[in-house]
């Protein structure tokens, strides 16, 4: 009886491993294209939850990515299934996708910082101009007063 339990457990554990590697499809998306495609797909799928400048969420940016790369969803599904069956390659691809997204995010942060610094400098310049205008008005009043006093003498 014990032997049957051991054999059943051995068969159970042996059948649980999934080392299925799919056959390479004919219309496989190349790795570098797949990395770029996945990068833009992650950005597009996260953008659908954000409102645009008109406060609407009606755009589906995922379809734009499919059109940009001229890939249909069936081809993507087949290629994605193939790459996920090769977990080492897929992990490497996802690491590249993450680094791409991080570099894009970093460039947007730098752009925003530059834009904010330009806005603050413009504000300072406007504040300086307002200050100079006030100073000129006070000086003009002072000069008029001085001229008036000088004429009276």
N, C-alpha and C. Protein backbone atom coordinates (compact mmCIF):
# COMPACT_ATOMS: atom_id res chain seq x y z
N UNK A 1 0.82 -1.19 0.00
CA UNK A 1 0.00 0.00 0.00
C UNK A 1 0.87 1.27 0.00
N UNK A 2 1.94 1.22 0.81
CA UNK A 2 2.83 2.35 0.87
C UNK A 2 3.51 2.60 -0.47
N UNK A 3 3.85 1.55 -1.16
CA UNK A 3 4.50 1.69 -2.45
C UNK A 3 3.58 2.37 -3.45
N UNK A 4 2.29 2.05 -3.38
CA UNK A 4 1.32 2.68 -4.28
C UNK A 4 1.22 4.18 -4.02
N UNK A 5 1.26 4.55 -2.77
CA UNK A 5 1.19 5.98 -2.42
C UNK A 5 2.44 6.70 -2.91
N UNK A 6 3.61 6.06 -2.73
CA UNK A 6 4.85 6.66 -3.19
C UNK A 6 4.86 6.80 -4.70
N UNK A 7 4.40 5.81 -5.40
CA UNK A 7 4.35 5.85 -6.86
C UNK A 7 3.36 6.92 -7.32
N UNK A 8 2.21 7.00 -6.66
CA UNK A 8 1.21 8.00 -7.03
C UNK A 8 1.75 9.41 -6.80
N UNK A 9 2.44 9.64 -5.69
CA UNK A 9 3.02 10.95 -5.42
C UNK A 9 4.13 11.28 -6.41
N UNK A 10 4.94 10.29 -6.76
CA UNK A 10 6.00 10.51 -7.73
C UNK A 10 5.42 10.88 -9.09
N UNK A 11 4.38 10.20 -9.51
CA UNK A 11 3.71 10.52 -10.79
C UNK A 11 3.07 11.90 -10.72
N UNK A 12 2.45 12.21 -9.59
CA UNK A 12 1.80 13.52 -9.42
C UNK A 12 2.82 14.65 -9.52
N UNK A 13 3.94 14.54 -8.80
CA UNK A 13 4.96 15.58 -8.84
C UNK A 13 5.63 15.66 -10.20
N UNK A 14 5.82 14.54 -10.84
CA UNK A 14 6.44 14.52 -12.16
C UNK A 14 5.55 15.13 -13.22
N UNK A 15 4.26 14.99 -13.08
CA UNK A 15 3.35 15.54 -14.09
C UNK A 15 3.05 17.01 -13.87
N UNK A 16 3.41 17.54 -12.71
CA UNK A 16 3.12 18.95 -12.42
C UNK A 16 4.10 19.90 -13.09
N UNK A 17 5.26 19.46 -13.46
CA UNK A 17 6.22 20.35 -14.10
C UNK A 17 5.79 20.60 -15.53
N UNK A 18 5.89 21.84 -15.93
CA UNK A 18 5.50 22.22 -17.28
C UNK A 18 6.71 22.76 -18.01
N UNK A 19 7.33 21.96 -18.77
CA UNK A 19 8.48 22.37 -19.57
C UNK A 19 8.09 22.44 -21.04
N UNK A 20 6.88 22.89 -21.29
CA UNK A 20 6.40 22.95 -22.66
C UNK A 20 7.04 24.13 -23.37
N UNK A 21 7.74 23.85 -24.43
CA UNK A 21 8.30 24.90 -25.28
C UNK A 21 7.64 24.74 -26.63
N UNK A 22 6.94 25.78 -27.02
CA UNK A 22 6.21 25.72 -28.27
C UNK A 22 7.16 25.77 -29.46
N UNK A 23 6.70 25.22 -30.54
CA UNK A 23 7.46 25.26 -31.79
C UNK A 23 7.47 26.70 -32.30
N UNK A 24 8.61 27.12 -32.84
CA UNK A 24 8.76 28.49 -33.31
C UNK A 24 7.78 28.74 -34.46
N UNK A 25 6.87 29.71 -34.29
CA UNK A 25 5.89 29.99 -35.35
C UNK A 25 6.54 30.67 -36.55
N UNK A 26 5.89 30.57 -37.68
CA UNK A 26 6.43 31.16 -38.91
C UNK A 26 6.44 32.68 -38.85
N UNK A 27 5.38 33.25 -38.34
CA UNK A 27 5.28 34.71 -38.31
C UNK A 27 5.62 35.27 -36.93
N UNK A 28 6.70 34.78 -36.35
CA UNK A 28 7.15 35.21 -35.03
C UNK A 28 7.64 36.65 -35.09
N UNK A 29 7.24 37.43 -34.11
CA UNK A 29 7.71 38.80 -34.00
C UNK A 29 9.14 38.76 -33.47
N UNK A 30 10.09 39.44 -34.13
CA UNK A 30 11.47 39.43 -33.63
C UNK A 30 11.57 40.03 -32.21
N UNK A 31 12.61 39.61 -31.49
CA UNK A 31 12.75 40.03 -30.09
C UNK A 31 12.81 41.54 -29.93
N UNK A 32 13.62 42.22 -30.74
CA UNK A 32 13.74 43.67 -30.57
C UNK A 32 12.43 44.39 -30.88
N UNK A 33 11.70 43.91 -31.88
CA UNK A 33 10.40 44.48 -32.18
C UNK A 33 9.42 44.18 -31.06
N UNK A 34 9.50 42.98 -30.52
CA UNK A 34 8.61 42.58 -29.42
C UNK A 34 8.88 43.44 -28.18
N UNK A 35 10.13 43.76 -27.91
CA UNK A 35 10.47 44.61 -26.76
C UNK A 35 9.87 46.01 -26.97
N UNK A 36 10.06 46.57 -28.15
CA UNK A 36 9.49 47.90 -28.44
C UNK A 36 7.97 47.87 -28.37
N UNK A 37 7.39 46.81 -28.93
CA UNK A 37 5.94 46.65 -28.94
C UNK A 37 5.40 46.55 -27.52
N UNK A 38 6.03 45.72 -26.70
CA UNK A 38 5.58 45.56 -25.31
C UNK A 38 5.74 46.85 -24.52
N UNK A 39 6.82 47.58 -24.78
CA UNK A 39 7.03 48.86 -24.10
C UNK A 39 5.86 49.80 -24.38
N UNK A 40 5.52 49.93 -25.64
CA UNK A 40 4.43 50.83 -26.00
C UNK A 40 3.08 50.29 -25.57
N UNK A 41 2.93 48.98 -25.55
CA UNK A 41 1.66 48.39 -25.09
C UNK A 41 1.44 48.67 -23.60
N UNK A 42 2.49 48.55 -22.79
CA UNK A 42 2.36 48.84 -21.37
C UNK A 42 2.01 50.31 -21.14
N UNK A 43 2.63 51.18 -21.90
CA UNK A 43 2.33 52.60 -21.77
C UNK A 43 0.90 52.89 -22.22
N UNK A 44 0.51 52.29 -23.34
CA UNK A 44 -0.84 52.52 -23.87
C UNK A 44 -1.91 51.96 -22.94
N UNK A 45 -1.65 50.79 -22.39
CA UNK A 45 -2.66 50.21 -21.50
C UNK A 45 -2.76 50.98 -20.18
N UNK A 46 -1.67 51.58 -19.73
CA UNK A 46 -1.77 52.38 -18.51
C UNK A 46 -2.39 53.74 -18.80
N UNK A 47 -2.28 54.22 -20.03
CA UNK A 47 -2.83 55.52 -20.38
C UNK A 47 -4.35 55.49 -20.51
N UNK A 48 -4.93 54.33 -20.69
CA UNK A 48 -6.38 54.30 -20.89
C UNK A 48 -7.14 54.65 -19.61
N UNK A 49 -6.49 54.61 -18.46
CA UNK A 49 -7.15 54.96 -17.20
C UNK A 49 -7.02 56.44 -16.85
N UNK A 50 -6.25 57.18 -17.65
CA UNK A 50 -6.05 58.59 -17.38
C UNK A 50 -6.87 59.43 -18.34
N UNK A 51 -7.36 60.54 -17.82
CA UNK A 51 -8.14 61.44 -18.65
C UNK A 51 -7.20 62.34 -19.46
N UNK A 52 -7.64 62.68 -20.68
CA UNK A 52 -6.84 63.57 -21.50
C UNK A 52 -7.13 65.02 -21.11
N UNK A 53 -6.60 65.96 -21.89
CA UNK A 53 -6.76 67.36 -21.50
C UNK A 53 -8.21 67.83 -21.60
N UNK A 54 -9.06 67.09 -22.29
CA UNK A 54 -10.48 67.43 -22.37
C UNK A 54 -11.30 66.65 -21.34
N UNK A 55 -10.60 65.98 -20.40
CA UNK A 55 -11.21 65.22 -19.31
C UNK A 55 -12.06 64.07 -19.83
N UNK A 56 -11.60 63.41 -20.87
CA UNK A 56 -12.31 62.26 -21.43
C UNK A 56 -11.38 61.07 -21.46
N UNK A 57 -11.96 59.88 -21.36
CA UNK A 57 -11.20 58.63 -21.39
C UNK A 57 -11.57 57.79 -22.60
N UNK A 58 -11.96 58.40 -23.68
CA UNK A 58 -12.53 57.63 -24.78
C UNK A 58 -11.51 57.02 -25.74
N UNK A 59 -10.26 57.36 -25.63
CA UNK A 59 -9.26 56.83 -26.55
C UNK A 59 -8.78 55.46 -26.11
N UNK A 60 -8.64 54.55 -27.08
CA UNK A 60 -8.05 53.24 -26.84
C UNK A 60 -6.70 53.22 -27.56
N UNK A 61 -5.64 53.53 -26.84
CA UNK A 61 -4.33 53.68 -27.45
C UNK A 61 -3.71 52.34 -27.85
N UNK A 62 -4.23 51.25 -27.32
CA UNK A 62 -3.69 49.93 -27.65
C UNK A 62 -3.83 49.66 -29.15
N UNK A 63 -4.94 50.06 -29.72
CA UNK A 63 -5.15 49.84 -31.15
C UNK A 63 -4.16 50.64 -31.98
N UNK A 64 -3.76 51.83 -31.50
CA UNK A 64 -2.76 52.63 -32.20
C UNK A 64 -1.41 51.90 -32.24
N UNK A 65 -1.09 51.21 -31.16
CA UNK A 65 0.17 50.48 -31.10
C UNK A 65 0.14 49.31 -32.09
N UNK A 66 -0.99 48.57 -32.13
CA UNK A 66 -1.12 47.49 -33.10
C UNK A 66 -0.97 48.03 -34.52
N UNK A 67 -1.59 49.16 -34.80
CA UNK A 67 -1.50 49.74 -36.15
C UNK A 67 -0.10 50.24 -36.46
N UNK A 68 0.58 50.81 -35.48
CA UNK A 68 1.93 51.33 -35.69
C UNK A 68 2.89 50.22 -36.11
N UNK A 69 2.80 49.09 -35.44
CA UNK A 69 3.71 47.98 -35.71
C UNK A 69 3.16 47.02 -36.77
N UNK A 70 1.95 47.28 -37.24
CA UNK A 70 1.30 46.42 -38.24
C UNK A 70 1.25 44.96 -37.77
N UNK A 71 0.83 44.81 -36.51
CA UNK A 71 0.72 43.49 -35.89
C UNK A 71 -0.73 43.31 -35.48
N UNK A 72 -1.29 42.15 -35.78
CA UNK A 72 -2.65 41.88 -35.30
C UNK A 72 -2.57 41.10 -33.99
N UNK A 73 -3.69 41.04 -33.29
CA UNK A 73 -3.69 40.43 -31.96
C UNK A 73 -3.39 38.94 -32.01
N UNK A 74 -3.77 38.27 -33.09
CA UNK A 74 -3.49 36.83 -33.21
C UNK A 74 -1.98 36.58 -33.31
N UNK A 75 -1.32 37.39 -34.13
CA UNK A 75 0.14 37.24 -34.27
C UNK A 75 0.84 37.54 -32.95
N UNK A 76 0.36 38.57 -32.25
CA UNK A 76 0.94 38.89 -30.95
C UNK A 76 0.72 37.75 -29.96
N UNK A 77 -0.47 37.19 -29.92
CA UNK A 77 -0.76 36.09 -29.00
C UNK A 77 0.14 34.88 -29.26
N UNK A 78 0.33 34.56 -30.53
CA UNK A 78 1.19 33.41 -30.88
C UNK A 78 2.64 33.69 -30.47
N UNK A 79 3.12 34.88 -30.79
CA UNK A 79 4.50 35.23 -30.45
C UNK A 79 4.69 35.32 -28.93
N UNK A 80 3.71 35.89 -28.25
CA UNK A 80 3.80 36.00 -26.80
C UNK A 80 3.79 34.62 -26.14
N UNK A 81 2.97 33.71 -26.64
CA UNK A 81 2.93 32.35 -26.09
C UNK A 81 4.28 31.65 -26.31
N UNK A 82 4.87 31.86 -27.48
CA UNK A 82 6.17 31.24 -27.76
C UNK A 82 7.25 31.79 -26.82
N UNK A 83 7.29 33.12 -26.67
CA UNK A 83 8.32 33.71 -25.81
C UNK A 83 8.10 33.38 -24.34
N UNK A 84 6.85 33.27 -23.89
CA UNK A 84 6.61 32.92 -22.49
C UNK A 84 6.96 31.47 -22.21
N UNK A 85 7.00 30.64 -23.24
CA UNK A 85 7.42 29.26 -23.02
C UNK A 85 8.93 29.18 -22.81
N UNK A 86 9.65 30.20 -23.25
CA UNK A 86 11.10 30.29 -23.02
C UNK A 86 11.32 31.38 -21.98
N UNK A 87 11.16 31.00 -20.73
CA UNK A 87 11.09 31.96 -19.63
C UNK A 87 12.35 32.81 -19.49
N UNK A 88 13.51 32.28 -19.76
CA UNK A 88 14.74 33.06 -19.64
C UNK A 88 14.75 34.19 -20.65
N UNK A 89 14.37 33.88 -21.89
CA UNK A 89 14.32 34.91 -22.93
C UNK A 89 13.26 35.96 -22.60
N UNK A 90 12.13 35.50 -22.12
CA UNK A 90 11.03 36.42 -21.82
C UNK A 90 11.38 37.32 -20.64
N UNK A 91 12.06 36.77 -19.65
CA UNK A 91 12.50 37.57 -18.51
C UNK A 91 13.48 38.64 -18.96
N UNK A 92 14.38 38.28 -19.86
CA UNK A 92 15.34 39.24 -20.41
C UNK A 92 14.61 40.34 -21.19
N UNK A 93 13.62 39.93 -21.97
CA UNK A 93 12.85 40.91 -22.75
C UNK A 93 12.10 41.86 -21.82
N UNK A 94 11.50 41.34 -20.78
CA UNK A 94 10.76 42.18 -19.85
C UNK A 94 11.68 43.13 -19.09
N UNK A 95 12.91 42.70 -18.83
CA UNK A 95 13.88 43.58 -18.19
C UNK A 95 14.21 44.76 -19.11
N UNK A 96 14.33 44.48 -20.40
CA UNK A 96 14.58 45.56 -21.37
C UNK A 96 13.38 46.50 -21.45
N UNK A 97 12.18 45.92 -21.41
CA UNK A 97 10.96 46.74 -21.44
C UNK A 97 10.94 47.67 -20.22
N UNK A 98 11.27 47.12 -19.07
CA UNK A 98 11.28 47.93 -17.84
C UNK A 98 12.31 49.04 -17.93
N UNK A 99 13.50 48.73 -18.45
CA UNK A 99 14.52 49.78 -18.56
C UNK A 99 14.09 50.84 -19.58
N UNK A 100 13.41 50.43 -20.65
CA UNK A 100 12.90 51.41 -21.62
C UNK A 100 11.88 52.34 -20.98
N UNK A 101 10.96 51.76 -20.22
CA UNK A 101 9.93 52.57 -19.57
C UNK A 101 10.56 53.50 -18.53
N UNK A 102 11.55 52.99 -17.79
CA UNK A 102 12.23 53.82 -16.80
C UNK A 102 12.96 54.99 -17.47
N UNK A 103 13.61 54.73 -18.61
CA UNK A 103 14.32 55.82 -19.29
C UNK A 103 13.35 56.84 -19.87
N UNK A 104 12.20 56.38 -20.36
CA UNK A 104 11.17 57.31 -20.87
C UNK A 104 10.65 58.16 -19.72
N UNK A 105 10.39 57.52 -18.59
CA UNK A 105 9.89 58.24 -17.42
C UNK A 105 10.92 59.27 -16.95
N UNK A 106 12.18 58.89 -16.96
CA UNK A 106 13.24 59.80 -16.53
C UNK A 106 13.33 61.01 -17.47
N UNK A 107 13.20 60.77 -18.77
CA UNK A 107 13.27 61.90 -19.71
C UNK A 107 12.07 62.83 -19.53
N UNK A 108 10.90 62.28 -19.24
CA UNK A 108 9.73 63.13 -18.98
C UNK A 108 9.92 63.93 -17.70
N UNK A 109 10.52 63.32 -16.68
CA UNK A 109 10.77 64.04 -15.44
C UNK A 109 11.73 65.21 -15.68
N UNK A 110 12.79 64.96 -16.45
CA UNK A 110 13.74 66.02 -16.75
C UNK A 110 13.08 67.13 -17.55
N UNK A 111 12.25 66.74 -18.53
CA UNK A 111 11.52 67.73 -19.31
C UNK A 111 10.59 68.57 -18.45
N UNK A 112 9.93 67.92 -17.52
CA UNK A 112 9.02 68.63 -16.61
C UNK A 112 9.80 69.58 -15.71
N UNK A 113 10.95 69.12 -15.22
CA UNK A 113 11.77 69.99 -14.37
C UNK A 113 12.24 71.22 -15.14
N UNK A 114 12.63 71.01 -16.40
CA UNK A 114 13.07 72.14 -17.23
C UNK A 114 11.91 73.10 -17.46
N UNK A 115 10.75 72.54 -17.77
CA UNK A 115 9.56 73.36 -18.01
C UNK A 115 9.19 74.14 -16.76
N UNK A 116 9.24 73.48 -15.60
CA UNK A 116 8.92 74.16 -14.35
C UNK A 116 9.94 75.25 -14.03
N UNK A 117 11.21 74.99 -14.31
CA UNK A 117 12.23 76.00 -14.02
C UNK A 117 12.06 77.20 -14.95
N UNK A 118 11.69 76.95 -16.20
CA UNK A 118 11.45 78.05 -17.14
C UNK A 118 10.25 78.87 -16.67
N UNK A 119 9.19 78.19 -16.23
CA UNK A 119 8.03 78.91 -15.71
C UNK A 119 8.39 79.76 -14.50
N UNK A 120 9.18 79.20 -13.59
CA UNK A 120 9.55 79.96 -12.39
C UNK A 120 10.43 81.15 -12.75
N UNK A 121 11.32 80.98 -13.75
CA UNK A 121 12.16 82.11 -14.16
C UNK A 121 11.31 83.19 -14.83
N UNK A 122 10.32 82.77 -15.63
CA UNK A 122 9.43 83.75 -16.24
C UNK A 122 8.66 84.50 -15.18
N UNK A 123 8.23 83.77 -14.15
CA UNK A 123 7.49 84.41 -13.06
C UNK A 123 8.39 85.40 -12.34
N UNK A 124 9.64 85.02 -12.12
CA UNK A 124 10.57 85.95 -11.47
C UNK A 124 10.80 87.18 -12.33
N UNK A 125 10.93 86.96 -13.64
CA UNK A 125 11.12 88.10 -14.54
C UNK A 125 9.90 89.02 -14.52
N UNK A 126 8.71 88.41 -14.52
CA UNK A 126 7.49 89.22 -14.45
C UNK A 126 7.42 89.97 -13.14
N UNK A 127 7.78 89.31 -12.04
CA UNK A 127 7.80 89.98 -10.74
C UNK A 127 8.80 91.13 -10.74
N UNK A 128 9.96 90.92 -11.37
CA UNK A 128 10.95 91.99 -11.47
C UNK A 128 10.43 93.15 -12.29
N UNK A 129 9.73 92.84 -13.40
CA UNK A 129 9.17 93.90 -14.24
C UNK A 129 8.13 94.70 -13.48
N UNK A 130 7.30 94.02 -12.74
CA UNK A 130 6.29 94.71 -11.93
C UNK A 130 6.97 95.60 -10.90
N UNK A 131 8.00 95.08 -10.27
CA UNK A 131 8.75 95.86 -9.28
C UNK A 131 9.37 97.09 -9.92
N UNK A 132 9.97 96.92 -11.10
CA UNK A 132 10.60 98.06 -11.79
C UNK A 132 9.56 99.10 -12.19
N UNK A 133 8.39 98.64 -12.64
CA UNK A 133 7.33 99.58 -12.99
C UNK A 133 6.90 100.39 -11.78
N UNK A 134 6.73 99.74 -10.65
CA UNK A 134 6.36 100.44 -9.42
C UNK A 134 7.44 101.43 -9.03
N UNK A 135 8.68 100.99 -9.15
CA UNK A 135 9.80 101.85 -8.81
C UNK A 135 9.85 103.07 -9.73
N UNK A 136 9.60 102.85 -11.02
CA UNK A 136 9.58 103.96 -11.97
C UNK A 136 8.46 104.94 -11.64
N UNK A 137 7.30 104.43 -11.27
CA UNK A 137 6.18 105.31 -10.90
C UNK A 137 6.54 106.16 -9.67
N UNK A 138 7.14 105.50 -8.67
CA UNK A 138 7.53 106.24 -7.47
C UNK A 138 8.58 107.29 -7.81
N UNK A 139 9.54 106.87 -8.65
CA UNK A 139 10.59 107.83 -9.04
C UNK A 139 9.99 108.97 -9.84
N UNK A 140 9.02 108.65 -10.71
CA UNK A 140 8.40 109.71 -11.49
C UNK A 140 7.69 110.70 -10.58
N UNK A 141 6.98 110.19 -9.58
CA UNK A 141 6.32 111.07 -8.62
C UNK A 141 7.35 111.90 -7.85
N UNK A 142 8.41 111.25 -7.47
CA UNK A 142 9.46 111.94 -6.72
C UNK A 142 10.10 113.03 -7.59
N UNK A 143 10.36 112.68 -8.89
CA UNK A 143 10.98 113.67 -9.78
C UNK A 143 10.04 114.84 -10.03
N UNK A 144 8.75 114.58 -10.19
CA UNK A 144 7.78 115.66 -10.37
C UNK A 144 7.77 116.57 -9.16
N UNK A 145 7.81 115.93 -7.99
CA UNK A 145 7.81 116.69 -6.75
C UNK A 145 9.07 117.54 -6.66
N UNK A 146 10.20 116.98 -7.04
CA UNK A 146 11.47 117.71 -7.00
C UNK A 146 11.45 118.87 -7.99
N UNK A 147 10.91 118.63 -9.20
CA UNK A 147 10.84 119.69 -10.20
C UNK A 147 9.93 120.82 -9.71
N UNK A 148 8.82 120.42 -9.11
CA UNK A 148 7.88 121.39 -8.60
C UNK A 148 8.53 122.24 -7.51
N UNK A 149 9.26 121.61 -6.61
CA UNK A 149 9.94 122.33 -5.55
C UNK A 149 11.04 123.22 -6.12
N UNK A 150 11.72 122.73 -7.15
CA UNK A 150 12.79 123.51 -7.76
C UNK A 150 12.24 124.75 -8.45
N UNK A 151 11.07 124.62 -9.11
CA UNK A 151 10.46 125.76 -9.80
C UNK A 151 9.97 126.80 -8.79
N UNK A 152 9.53 126.32 -7.65
CA UNK A 152 9.03 127.24 -6.63
C UNK A 152 10.17 128.06 -6.01
N UNK A 153 11.35 127.59 -6.08
CA UNK A 153 12.47 128.29 -5.48
C UNK A 153 12.93 129.35 -6.37
